[in-house]
Amino acid sequence: MTEFTARPPTGIDPNGASNEGASVYRLIRNDIIEGHLSADQRLVVADLAVRHNTSANPVREALQLLRGEGFVTMVPNRGARVRPIDQDFVRDIYEIGMLIEPSLARWFVSMATPDDIAELERIQAEIETNNFADPLRHSELDTAFHTVMYQRHYNRHAAELWWKYREVLRAVSRRFNFTLARRAQVMRDHRAMIELVKAGQPDSLAALVASHVEGSGRHILEHMRASKAAHAS
C-alpha cells in the first residue's frame, strides 16, 4: 500500500526569513494551528527562544511572518498574541481558497499529462479504499490529490497561499468527523474532477473546485457552531 505524507509543493517556503527564522516560524505556526498555543496567549520572545533552543532574532522573524499571515496580532506596549482560529478566521480562509484554487485548477487542465491523471486516479483509489476509516490518512491523501493539480503552477505565491491556508483547515477539520453527506460529496467531487481533467474542461473544473472548497469550509463552520453551542449550553 502506498503511503502519502502531505508535503508543500516544491519552492514553497517562508519569504524573507533566515533558515533558522523559517524553522521557528513553522514550529510556532504548527503550535498555533494545533492548539498548543491558546487563543490570545501572549507570545514572549525570550520564552519562545528558550522553548525552541534558538536566539531572539529568529523568533522575531517568525513572529513577523506569522503577523503577516494573520496568525499573530501585535499591539503597541502589549506585544504579540495568538490570534484566535475562530469561525471568522475559518470563513476568511476558505473564501480565499475559493478565489485561488479555481485559478490553479483551470491552469492544470492545460498542463495535465497522462501521468498526472494516473496519479490522481491512484490517489483517489487509495481514498476510496480508506473510505474515511482513518481520518488522518484521509486528510493526507486528500491533500496529496489536490497537490498533484497545483504543485507545478507558475505562480508560487498563489500556491504558497493555498498550501498555508489549507494546512489551517486541515488542522481544524481534524477535530470533527465528516458527516455521511459530506463523505459522499467528497467522493463525487473527486471523481468528477478527474473526468473534467480528462475531458479538458478548465471552466467546469474551476467551478467544481470552487463549490468543493466552499462545501469543505461550510462543513467545518457548521461543526464549529455546533461545538460552540454545545459548550455554551
Protein backbone atom coordinates (compact mmCIF):
# COMPACT_ATOMS: atom_id res chain seq x y z
CA MET A 1 0.00 0.00 0.00
CA THR A 2 1.37 3.41 -0.99
CA GLU A 3 1.91 5.82 1.89
CA PHE A 4 1.35 9.53 1.44
CA THR A 5 2.54 12.39 3.56
CA ALA A 6 1.23 15.87 2.89
CA ARG A 7 4.14 17.96 1.71
CA PRO A 8 4.16 21.51 0.34
CA PRO A 9 4.79 21.95 -3.39
CA THR A 10 8.45 22.50 -4.26
CA GLY A 11 9.66 26.02 -3.68
CA ILE A 12 7.13 26.98 -1.04
CA ASP A 13 8.97 28.37 1.94
CA PRO A 14 8.56 31.39 4.22
CA ASN A 15 9.67 34.52 2.40
CA GLY A 16 12.19 36.96 3.81
CA ALA A 17 13.45 34.87 6.73
CA SER A 18 16.72 33.22 7.59
CA ASN A 19 16.79 29.43 7.65
CA GLU A 20 16.54 29.46 11.42
CA GLY A 21 13.75 32.04 11.36
CA ALA A 22 11.83 29.92 8.84
CA SER A 23 12.27 26.84 11.03
CA VAL A 24 10.99 28.65 14.14
CA TYR A 25 8.13 30.09 12.08
CA ARG A 26 6.97 26.58 11.15
CA LEU A 27 7.20 25.36 14.74
CA ILE A 28 5.23 28.27 16.21
CA ARG A 29 2.68 28.19 13.39
CA ASN A 30 2.09 24.49 13.97
CA ASP A 31 1.65 25.09 17.71
CA ILE A 32 -0.99 27.73 16.95
CA ILE A 33 -2.85 25.58 14.42
CA GLU A 34 -2.79 22.51 16.63
CA GLY A 35 -3.95 24.49 19.68
CA HIS A 36 -0.76 24.05 21.72
CA LEU A 37 -0.68 27.85 21.96
CA SER A 38 -4.10 29.07 23.02
CA ALA A 39 -6.10 31.97 21.61
CA ASP A 40 -4.94 35.37 22.88
CA GLN A 41 -1.93 33.80 24.60
CA ARG A 42 0.94 36.25 24.88
CA LEU A 43 3.99 35.31 22.83
CA VAL A 44 7.13 36.32 24.71
CA VAL A 45 10.25 36.35 22.53
CA ALA A 46 12.57 35.20 25.31
CA ASP A 47 10.30 32.31 26.29
CA LEU A 48 9.91 31.15 22.69
CA ALA A 49 13.67 31.34 22.15
CA VAL A 50 14.22 29.02 25.11
CA ARG A 51 11.42 26.70 24.01
CA HIS A 52 12.86 26.32 20.52
CA ASN A 53 16.52 26.42 21.52
CA THR A 54 17.36 29.49 19.48
CA SER A 55 18.12 33.19 19.89
CA ALA A 56 15.76 36.16 19.90
CA ASN A 57 16.25 37.24 16.27
CA PRO A 58 14.83 34.10 14.60
CA VAL A 59 11.82 34.30 16.92
CA ARG A 60 11.23 37.93 15.95
CA GLU A 61 11.47 36.98 12.26
CA ALA A 62 8.98 34.17 12.82
CA LEU A 63 6.52 36.42 14.64
CA GLN A 64 6.64 38.98 11.85
CA LEU A 65 5.88 36.28 9.27
CA LEU A 66 3.01 34.99 11.40
CA ARG A 67 1.70 38.51 11.84
CA GLY A 68 1.68 38.94 8.06
CA GLU A 69 -0.39 35.77 7.69
CA GLY A 70 -2.87 36.77 10.38
CA PHE A 71 -1.89 34.14 12.97
CA VAL A 72 -0.40 36.68 15.37
CA THR A 73 -1.53 40.15 16.41
CA MET A 74 0.83 42.81 17.69
CA VAL A 75 -0.37 45.70 19.84
CA PRO A 76 1.96 48.54 20.92
CA ASN A 77 3.11 48.13 24.51
CA ARG A 78 1.31 44.77 24.76
CA GLY A 79 3.46 42.61 22.50
CA ALA A 80 2.43 39.68 20.31
CA ARG A 81 -0.54 37.42 20.95
CA VAL A 82 -2.07 34.38 19.27
CA ARG A 83 -4.99 35.27 17.03
CA PRO A 84 -7.97 33.02 17.74
CA ILE A 85 -8.68 30.50 14.97
CA ASP A 86 -12.38 31.16 15.24
CA GLN A 87 -15.30 30.97 12.85
CA ASP A 88 -14.47 34.30 11.23
CA PHE A 89 -10.88 33.21 10.57
CA VAL A 90 -12.00 29.89 9.06
CA ARG A 91 -14.56 31.69 6.89
CA ASP A 92 -11.90 34.09 5.63
CA ILE A 93 -9.55 31.23 4.83
CA TYR A 94 -11.96 29.12 2.83
CA GLU A 95 -13.18 32.21 0.95
CA ILE A 96 -9.56 32.89 -0.04
CA GLY A 97 -9.39 29.27 -1.20
CA MET A 98 -12.49 29.80 -3.34
CA LEU A 99 -10.62 32.58 -5.15
CA ILE A 100 -7.27 30.86 -5.53
CA GLU A 101 -7.99 27.17 -6.15
CA PRO A 102 -10.23 27.55 -9.24
CA SER A 103 -7.45 29.51 -10.97
CA LEU A 104 -4.86 26.89 -10.06
CA ALA A 105 -7.16 24.09 -11.24
CA ARG A 106 -8.02 25.84 -14.52
CA TRP A 107 -4.32 26.11 -15.40
CA PHE A 108 -3.74 22.46 -14.52
CA VAL A 109 -6.14 21.28 -17.23
CA SER A 110 -3.92 22.76 -19.93
CA MET A 111 -0.79 21.17 -18.43
CA ALA A 112 -2.01 17.79 -17.18
CA THR A 113 -0.15 14.78 -18.51
CA PRO A 114 -1.32 11.16 -18.65
CA ASP A 115 0.95 10.52 -15.67
CA ASP A 116 -0.79 13.30 -13.71
CA ILE A 117 -4.19 11.78 -14.43
CA ALA A 118 -2.94 8.34 -13.49
CA GLU A 119 -1.63 9.75 -10.21
CA LEU A 120 -4.98 11.39 -9.44
CA GLU A 121 -6.74 8.09 -10.11
CA ARG A 122 -4.25 6.20 -7.95
CA ILE A 123 -4.66 8.56 -5.00
CA GLN A 124 -8.44 8.55 -5.38
CA ALA A 125 -8.38 4.75 -5.31
CA GLU A 126 -6.48 4.96 -2.01
CA ILE A 127 -9.04 7.46 -0.69
CA GLU A 128 -11.90 5.13 -1.56
CA THR A 129 -10.13 2.12 -0.08
CA ASN A 130 -9.61 4.01 3.17
CA ASN A 131 -13.22 5.29 2.98
CA PHE A 132 -12.68 7.70 5.91
CA ALA A 133 -11.84 4.83 8.28
CA ASP A 134 -8.56 6.53 9.21
CA PRO A 135 -9.27 10.29 9.30
CA LEU A 136 -5.59 11.28 9.35
CA ARG A 137 -4.84 9.10 6.33
CA HIS A 138 -7.82 10.58 4.50
CA SER A 139 -6.50 14.07 5.25
CA GLU A 140 -3.06 13.19 3.89
CA LEU A 141 -4.48 11.56 0.78
CA ASP A 142 -6.90 14.39 0.10
CA THR A 143 -4.08 16.92 0.31
CA ALA A 144 -1.93 14.75 -1.99
CA PHE A 145 -4.80 14.67 -4.52
CA HIS A 146 -5.03 18.45 -4.72
CA THR A 147 -1.26 18.90 -4.63
CA VAL A 148 -0.99 16.96 -7.90
CA MET A 149 -3.10 19.66 -9.53
CA TYR A 150 -1.40 22.68 -8.00
CA GLN A 151 2.24 21.76 -7.39
CA ARG A 152 3.66 22.89 -10.74
CA HIS A 153 1.76 26.15 -11.07
CA TYR A 154 3.99 29.02 -12.20
CA ASN A 155 2.55 31.41 -9.58
CA ARG A 156 4.40 30.25 -6.48
CA HIS A 157 2.81 32.95 -4.31
CA ALA A 158 -0.67 31.63 -5.12
CA ALA A 159 0.44 28.05 -4.49
CA GLU A 160 2.03 29.14 -1.22
CA LEU A 161 -1.18 30.79 -0.03
CA TRP A 162 -3.17 27.69 -0.98
CA TRP A 163 -0.84 25.41 0.96
CA LYS A 164 -0.59 27.52 4.09
CA TYR A 165 -4.30 28.11 4.47
CA ARG A 166 -5.20 24.55 3.54
CA GLU A 167 -2.99 23.39 6.40
CA VAL A 168 -5.06 25.51 8.79
CA LEU A 169 -8.31 24.00 7.52
CA ARG A 170 -6.79 20.51 7.73
CA ALA A 171 -5.84 21.03 11.36
CA VAL A 172 -9.23 22.46 12.31
CA SER A 173 -11.17 19.78 10.43
CA ARG A 174 -9.35 17.00 12.31
CA ARG A 175 -11.31 18.00 15.40
CA PHE A 176 -14.55 16.89 13.76
CA ASN A 177 -15.98 13.85 11.98
CA PHE A 178 -17.18 14.00 8.39
CA THR A 179 -20.94 13.67 8.03
CA LEU A 180 -22.14 10.90 5.73
CA ALA A 181 -23.42 13.51 3.30
CA ARG A 182 -20.04 15.27 3.19
CA ARG A 183 -18.21 11.98 2.70
CA ALA A 184 -20.37 11.13 -0.30
CA GLN A 185 -19.93 14.63 -1.75
CA VAL A 186 -16.13 14.49 -1.46
CA MET A 187 -16.07 11.19 -3.35
CA ARG A 188 -18.37 12.52 -6.09
CA ASP A 189 -16.39 15.74 -6.44
CA HIS A 190 -13.04 13.97 -6.77
CA ARG A 191 -14.31 11.53 -9.39
CA ALA A 192 -15.86 14.40 -11.34
CA MET A 193 -12.64 16.44 -11.14
CA ILE A 194 -10.68 13.60 -12.72
CA GLU A 195 -13.20 13.28 -15.55
CA LEU A 196 -13.15 17.03 -16.23
CA VAL A 197 -9.34 17.00 -16.42
CA LYS A 198 -9.53 14.08 -18.89
CA ALA A 199 -12.13 15.95 -20.94
CA GLY A 200 -10.09 19.15 -21.00
CA GLN A 201 -12.79 21.35 -19.46
CA PRO A 202 -11.00 24.05 -17.40
CA ASP A 203 -14.01 26.24 -16.69
CA SER A 204 -16.13 23.36 -15.47
CA LEU A 205 -13.28 22.12 -13.29
CA ALA A 206 -12.78 25.60 -11.83
CA ALA A 207 -16.49 25.85 -10.97
CA LEU A 208 -16.47 22.43 -9.33
CA VAL A 209 -13.33 23.21 -7.32
CA ALA A 210 -14.91 26.45 -6.04
CA SER A 211 -18.00 24.52 -4.95
CA HIS A 212 -15.83 21.81 -3.36
CA VAL A 213 -13.84 24.34 -1.32
CA GLU A 214 -16.99 26.13 -0.22
CA GLY A 215 -18.56 22.84 0.84
CA SER A 216 -15.50 21.94 2.88
CA GLY A 217 -15.43 25.34 4.58
CA ARG A 218 -19.13 25.33 5.39
CA HIS A 219 -18.86 21.80 6.78
CA ILE A 220 -16.15 22.92 9.20
CA LEU A 221 -18.08 26.05 10.20
CA GLU A 222 -21.21 24.00 10.93
CA HIS A 223 -19.20 21.76 13.25
CA MET A 224 -17.61 24.77 14.94
CA ARG A 225 -21.01 26.38 15.54
CA ALA A 226 -22.44 23.15 16.91
CA SER A 227 -19.44 22.70 19.20
CA LYS A 228 -19.70 26.27 20.47
CA ALA A 229 -23.42 25.86 21.15
CA ALA A 230 -22.82 22.60 22.99
CA HIS A 231 -20.22 24.21 25.25
CA ALA A 232 -22.48 27.20 25.89
CA SER A 233 -25.43 25.08 26.98
